[in-house]
Amino acid sequence: MMTTIIFAIYFLLATFFVALLSSFVVLLMHKWGIVEYMQINANDFFSKMFHCDFCLCWWAGVCFSLFVAALFVEWEFLYIPFFSTVIARKLL
C-alpha cells in the first residue's frame, strides 16, 4: 500500500495522463473517420454512443484506467474516469 501523499500524486498524474490519452484517441478516431463510420453503420446503441464525445471519452478513460490500475496494482485507480472524462472533454 502506498502512502497517502504518494498515492495522491500518482492518482493526479494518472488522471491527467488518462485524460490526455483518451482525448488523443477520440481526436484520432475523428480524423480517421471511425466515429462517422460507426454513427452510420453501427446498431442503435453504438450509433448513439458515437454521437457523444463525452461517452467516447468515458469509455476510453475506462479502458486506460484498467491498464493503469493493473500497472500500479491499486484498485482505487479505477476511479480515474470520473475525473479524467471532464478534463478530456474540455480538451476536445
N, C-alpha and C. Protein backbone atom coordinates (compact mmCIF):
# COMPACT_ATOMS: atom_id res chain seq x y z
N MET A 1 0.85 -1.18 0.00
CA MET A 1 0.00 0.00 0.00
C MET A 1 0.89 1.24 0.00
N MET A 2 0.54 2.18 -0.85
CA MET A 2 1.32 3.42 -0.95
C MET A 2 0.94 4.37 0.18
N THR A 3 1.84 5.27 0.48
CA THR A 3 1.48 6.31 1.44
C THR A 3 0.48 7.25 0.79
N THR A 4 -0.20 8.02 1.58
CA THR A 4 -1.30 8.84 1.09
C THR A 4 -0.84 9.92 0.13
N ILE A 5 0.25 10.59 0.44
CA ILE A 5 0.72 11.69 -0.42
C ILE A 5 1.23 11.15 -1.74
N ILE A 6 1.98 10.07 -1.71
CA ILE A 6 2.49 9.48 -2.95
C ILE A 6 1.34 8.96 -3.80
N PHE A 7 0.34 8.34 -3.15
CA PHE A 7 -0.82 7.86 -3.88
C PHE A 7 -1.56 9.02 -4.53
N ALA A 8 -1.72 10.14 -3.82
CA ALA A 8 -2.43 11.31 -4.37
C ALA A 8 -1.68 11.87 -5.58
N ILE A 9 -0.37 11.92 -5.50
CA ILE A 9 0.42 12.42 -6.62
C ILE A 9 0.30 11.48 -7.82
N TYR A 10 0.41 10.17 -7.59
CA TYR A 10 0.26 9.20 -8.67
C TYR A 10 -1.14 9.25 -9.27
N PHE A 11 -2.16 9.44 -8.41
CA PHE A 11 -3.53 9.49 -8.89
C PHE A 11 -3.75 10.71 -9.78
N LEU A 12 -3.22 11.87 -9.36
CA LEU A 12 -3.36 13.08 -10.18
C LEU A 12 -2.63 12.95 -11.51
N LEU A 13 -1.42 12.43 -11.45
CA LEU A 13 -0.66 12.25 -12.70
C LEU A 13 -1.34 11.24 -13.62
N ALA A 14 -1.83 10.16 -13.06
CA ALA A 14 -2.51 9.15 -13.87
C ALA A 14 -3.81 9.71 -14.44
N THR A 15 -4.51 10.54 -13.68
CA THR A 15 -5.75 11.15 -14.17
C THR A 15 -5.48 12.05 -15.36
N PHE A 16 -4.47 12.90 -15.27
CA PHE A 16 -4.15 13.77 -16.39
C PHE A 16 -3.61 12.98 -17.58
N PHE A 17 -2.83 11.94 -17.31
CA PHE A 17 -2.33 11.10 -18.40
C PHE A 17 -3.47 10.40 -19.13
N VAL A 18 -4.42 9.85 -18.38
CA VAL A 18 -5.56 9.16 -18.99
C VAL A 18 -6.41 10.16 -19.76
N ALA A 19 -6.59 11.37 -19.22
CA ALA A 19 -7.38 12.39 -19.91
C ALA A 19 -6.72 12.79 -21.23
N LEU A 20 -5.41 13.00 -21.21
CA LEU A 20 -4.70 13.35 -22.44
C LEU A 20 -4.76 12.21 -23.45
N LEU A 21 -4.56 11.00 -22.98
CA LEU A 21 -4.56 9.86 -23.88
C LEU A 21 -5.95 9.59 -24.47
N SER A 22 -6.98 9.71 -23.66
CA SER A 22 -8.32 9.45 -24.18
C SER A 22 -8.78 10.56 -25.13
N SER A 23 -8.41 11.81 -24.86
CA SER A 23 -8.76 12.87 -25.81
C SER A 23 -7.99 12.70 -27.12
N PHE A 24 -6.74 12.25 -27.04
CA PHE A 24 -5.97 11.98 -28.24
C PHE A 24 -6.62 10.87 -29.07
N VAL A 25 -7.06 9.81 -28.40
CA VAL A 25 -7.67 8.69 -29.11
C VAL A 25 -8.99 9.12 -29.76
N VAL A 26 -9.79 9.91 -29.06
CA VAL A 26 -11.06 10.37 -29.63
C VAL A 26 -10.81 11.28 -30.84
N LEU A 27 -9.83 12.17 -30.73
CA LEU A 27 -9.49 13.03 -31.87
C LEU A 27 -8.96 12.21 -33.04
N LEU A 28 -8.18 11.19 -32.75
CA LEU A 28 -7.66 10.33 -33.81
C LEU A 28 -8.77 9.54 -34.48
N MET A 29 -9.74 9.10 -33.69
CA MET A 29 -10.88 8.39 -34.27
C MET A 29 -11.71 9.31 -35.16
N HIS A 30 -11.82 10.59 -34.79
CA HIS A 30 -12.50 11.55 -35.66
C HIS A 30 -11.71 11.75 -36.95
N LYS A 31 -10.39 11.88 -36.83
CA LYS A 31 -9.55 12.13 -38.01
C LYS A 31 -9.58 10.96 -38.98
N TRP A 32 -9.56 9.75 -38.46
CA TRP A 32 -9.56 8.57 -39.31
C TRP A 32 -10.94 8.21 -39.83
N GLY A 33 -11.98 8.88 -39.35
CA GLY A 33 -13.33 8.62 -39.83
C GLY A 33 -14.04 7.46 -39.14
N ILE A 34 -13.46 6.97 -38.07
CA ILE A 34 -14.08 5.84 -37.36
C ILE A 34 -15.39 6.27 -36.72
N VAL A 35 -15.43 7.49 -36.17
CA VAL A 35 -16.64 7.97 -35.50
C VAL A 35 -17.78 8.09 -36.49
N GLU A 36 -17.53 8.69 -37.62
CA GLU A 36 -18.57 8.85 -38.63
C GLU A 36 -19.04 7.50 -39.17
N TYR A 37 -18.10 6.60 -39.37
CA TYR A 37 -18.46 5.26 -39.84
C TYR A 37 -19.37 4.55 -38.84
N MET A 38 -19.02 4.63 -37.56
CA MET A 38 -19.82 3.96 -36.54
C MET A 38 -21.18 4.64 -36.36
N GLN A 39 -21.25 5.96 -36.55
CA GLN A 39 -22.53 6.65 -36.44
C GLN A 39 -23.49 6.19 -37.52
N ILE A 40 -22.97 5.88 -38.69
CA ILE A 40 -23.82 5.48 -39.82
C ILE A 40 -24.10 3.98 -39.83
N ASN A 41 -23.08 3.16 -39.61
CA ASN A 41 -23.20 1.72 -39.83
C ASN A 41 -23.46 0.88 -38.59
N ALA A 42 -23.32 1.43 -37.41
CA ALA A 42 -23.47 0.62 -36.19
C ALA A 42 -24.94 0.49 -35.82
N ASN A 43 -25.19 -0.40 -34.87
CA ASN A 43 -26.57 -0.53 -34.38
C ASN A 43 -26.94 0.72 -33.57
N ASP A 44 -28.15 0.76 -33.07
CA ASP A 44 -28.68 1.97 -32.44
C ASP A 44 -27.88 2.38 -31.21
N PHE A 45 -27.50 1.42 -30.37
CA PHE A 45 -26.75 1.73 -29.15
C PHE A 45 -25.41 2.38 -29.46
N PHE A 46 -24.63 1.74 -30.33
CA PHE A 46 -23.31 2.27 -30.65
C PHE A 46 -23.41 3.55 -31.48
N SER A 47 -24.42 3.67 -32.29
CA SER A 47 -24.61 4.90 -33.06
C SER A 47 -24.84 6.08 -32.13
N LYS A 48 -25.68 5.89 -31.11
CA LYS A 48 -25.90 6.97 -30.15
C LYS A 48 -24.65 7.26 -29.33
N MET A 49 -23.91 6.21 -28.99
CA MET A 49 -22.70 6.41 -28.20
C MET A 49 -21.64 7.19 -28.99
N PHE A 50 -21.52 6.91 -30.27
CA PHE A 50 -20.52 7.59 -31.07
C PHE A 50 -20.95 9.00 -31.46
N HIS A 51 -22.18 9.39 -31.18
CA HIS A 51 -22.60 10.78 -31.36
C HIS A 51 -22.18 11.65 -30.16
N CYS A 52 -21.78 11.02 -29.08
CA CYS A 52 -21.49 11.72 -27.83
C CYS A 52 -19.99 11.65 -27.53
N ASP A 53 -19.29 12.78 -27.62
CA ASP A 53 -17.86 12.80 -27.29
C ASP A 53 -17.62 12.51 -25.83
N PHE A 54 -18.54 12.93 -24.97
CA PHE A 54 -18.41 12.65 -23.54
C PHE A 54 -18.40 11.14 -23.30
N CYS A 55 -19.27 10.42 -24.00
CA CYS A 55 -19.34 8.95 -23.85
C CYS A 55 -18.05 8.29 -24.36
N LEU A 56 -17.55 8.79 -25.48
CA LEU A 56 -16.31 8.23 -26.01
C LEU A 56 -15.15 8.47 -25.06
N CYS A 57 -15.08 9.67 -24.48
CA CYS A 57 -14.02 9.95 -23.50
C CYS A 57 -14.17 9.08 -22.26
N TRP A 58 -15.41 8.84 -21.85
CA TRP A 58 -15.65 7.99 -20.68
C TRP A 58 -15.13 6.58 -20.93
N TRP A 59 -15.52 5.97 -22.05
CA TRP A 59 -15.14 4.58 -22.30
C TRP A 59 -13.65 4.44 -22.60
N ALA A 60 -13.07 5.44 -23.25
CA ALA A 60 -11.62 5.42 -23.44
C ALA A 60 -10.92 5.53 -22.09
N GLY A 61 -11.43 6.39 -21.21
CA GLY A 61 -10.87 6.52 -19.87
C GLY A 61 -11.00 5.24 -19.05
N VAL A 62 -12.11 4.54 -19.21
CA VAL A 62 -12.29 3.27 -18.51
C VAL A 62 -11.24 2.25 -18.98
N CYS A 63 -11.05 2.17 -20.28
CA CYS A 63 -10.06 1.22 -20.82
C CYS A 63 -8.65 1.55 -20.34
N PHE A 64 -8.29 2.82 -20.39
CA PHE A 64 -6.94 3.19 -19.97
C PHE A 64 -6.76 3.10 -18.46
N SER A 65 -7.81 3.36 -17.69
CA SER A 65 -7.68 3.26 -16.24
C SER A 65 -7.57 1.80 -15.79
N LEU A 66 -8.17 0.88 -16.55
CA LEU A 66 -7.95 -0.53 -16.25
C LEU A 66 -6.48 -0.90 -16.40
N PHE A 67 -5.85 -0.36 -17.44
CA PHE A 67 -4.42 -0.60 -17.64
C PHE A 67 -3.60 0.01 -16.51
N VAL A 68 -3.93 1.25 -16.12
CA VAL A 68 -3.19 1.92 -15.05
C VAL A 68 -3.38 1.20 -13.72
N ALA A 69 -4.60 0.75 -13.44
CA ALA A 69 -4.86 0.02 -12.20
C ALA A 69 -4.09 -1.29 -12.16
N ALA A 70 -3.99 -1.96 -13.30
CA ALA A 70 -3.21 -3.19 -13.34
C ALA A 70 -1.72 -2.91 -13.23
N LEU A 71 -1.28 -1.77 -13.78
CA LEU A 71 0.13 -1.42 -13.73
C LEU A 71 0.58 -1.12 -12.31
N PHE A 72 -0.23 -0.36 -11.56
CA PHE A 72 0.14 0.02 -10.20
C PHE A 72 -0.40 -0.94 -9.14
N VAL A 73 -1.22 -1.90 -9.54
CA VAL A 73 -1.85 -2.87 -8.65
C VAL A 73 -2.58 -2.15 -7.51
N GLU A 74 -3.34 -1.14 -7.87
CA GLU A 74 -4.17 -0.39 -6.93
C GLU A 74 -5.56 -0.26 -7.53
N TRP A 75 -6.58 -0.84 -6.91
CA TRP A 75 -7.92 -0.81 -7.47
C TRP A 75 -8.54 0.59 -7.40
N GLU A 76 -7.99 1.48 -6.56
CA GLU A 76 -8.51 2.83 -6.46
C GLU A 76 -8.32 3.63 -7.76
N PHE A 77 -7.41 3.19 -8.59
CA PHE A 77 -7.19 3.86 -9.87
C PHE A 77 -8.35 3.64 -10.84
N LEU A 78 -9.28 2.77 -10.49
CA LEU A 78 -10.47 2.58 -11.32
C LEU A 78 -11.43 3.76 -11.22
N TYR A 79 -11.19 4.67 -10.27
CA TYR A 79 -12.00 5.90 -10.16
C TYR A 79 -11.54 6.99 -11.12
N ILE A 80 -10.46 6.78 -11.82
CA ILE A 80 -9.89 7.80 -12.71
C ILE A 80 -10.88 8.31 -13.75
N PRO A 81 -11.69 7.47 -14.41
CA PRO A 81 -12.58 8.00 -15.45
C PRO A 81 -13.56 9.06 -14.95
N PHE A 82 -13.92 9.01 -13.68
CA PHE A 82 -14.84 10.01 -13.14
C PHE A 82 -14.23 11.41 -13.18
N PHE A 83 -12.92 11.50 -13.10
CA PHE A 83 -12.25 12.79 -13.11
C PHE A 83 -11.64 13.11 -14.48
N SER A 84 -11.14 12.09 -15.16
CA SER A 84 -10.45 12.34 -16.42
C SER A 84 -11.41 12.66 -17.56
N THR A 85 -12.65 12.19 -17.48
CA THR A 85 -13.60 12.43 -18.55
C THR A 85 -13.91 13.92 -18.71
N VAL A 86 -14.03 14.60 -17.61
CA VAL A 86 -14.31 16.04 -17.66
C VAL A 86 -13.13 16.79 -18.28
N ILE A 87 -11.93 16.40 -17.88
CA ILE A 87 -10.73 17.05 -18.43
C ILE A 87 -10.60 16.76 -19.91
N ALA A 88 -10.81 15.50 -20.29
CA ALA A 88 -10.69 15.13 -21.71
C ALA A 88 -11.75 15.83 -22.55
N ARG A 89 -12.93 15.99 -22.03
CA ARG A 89 -13.99 16.68 -22.76
C ARG A 89 -13.64 18.14 -22.97
N LYS A 90 -13.01 18.76 -21.99
CA LYS A 90 -12.57 20.16 -22.15
C LYS A 90 -11.43 20.26 -23.16
N LEU A 91 -10.61 19.23 -23.26
CA LEU A 91 -9.51 19.26 -24.23
C LEU A 91 -10.00 19.13 -25.66
N LEU A 92 -11.16 18.52 -25.85
CA LEU A 92 -11.70 18.37 -27.20
C LEU A 92 -12.28 19.69 -27.63
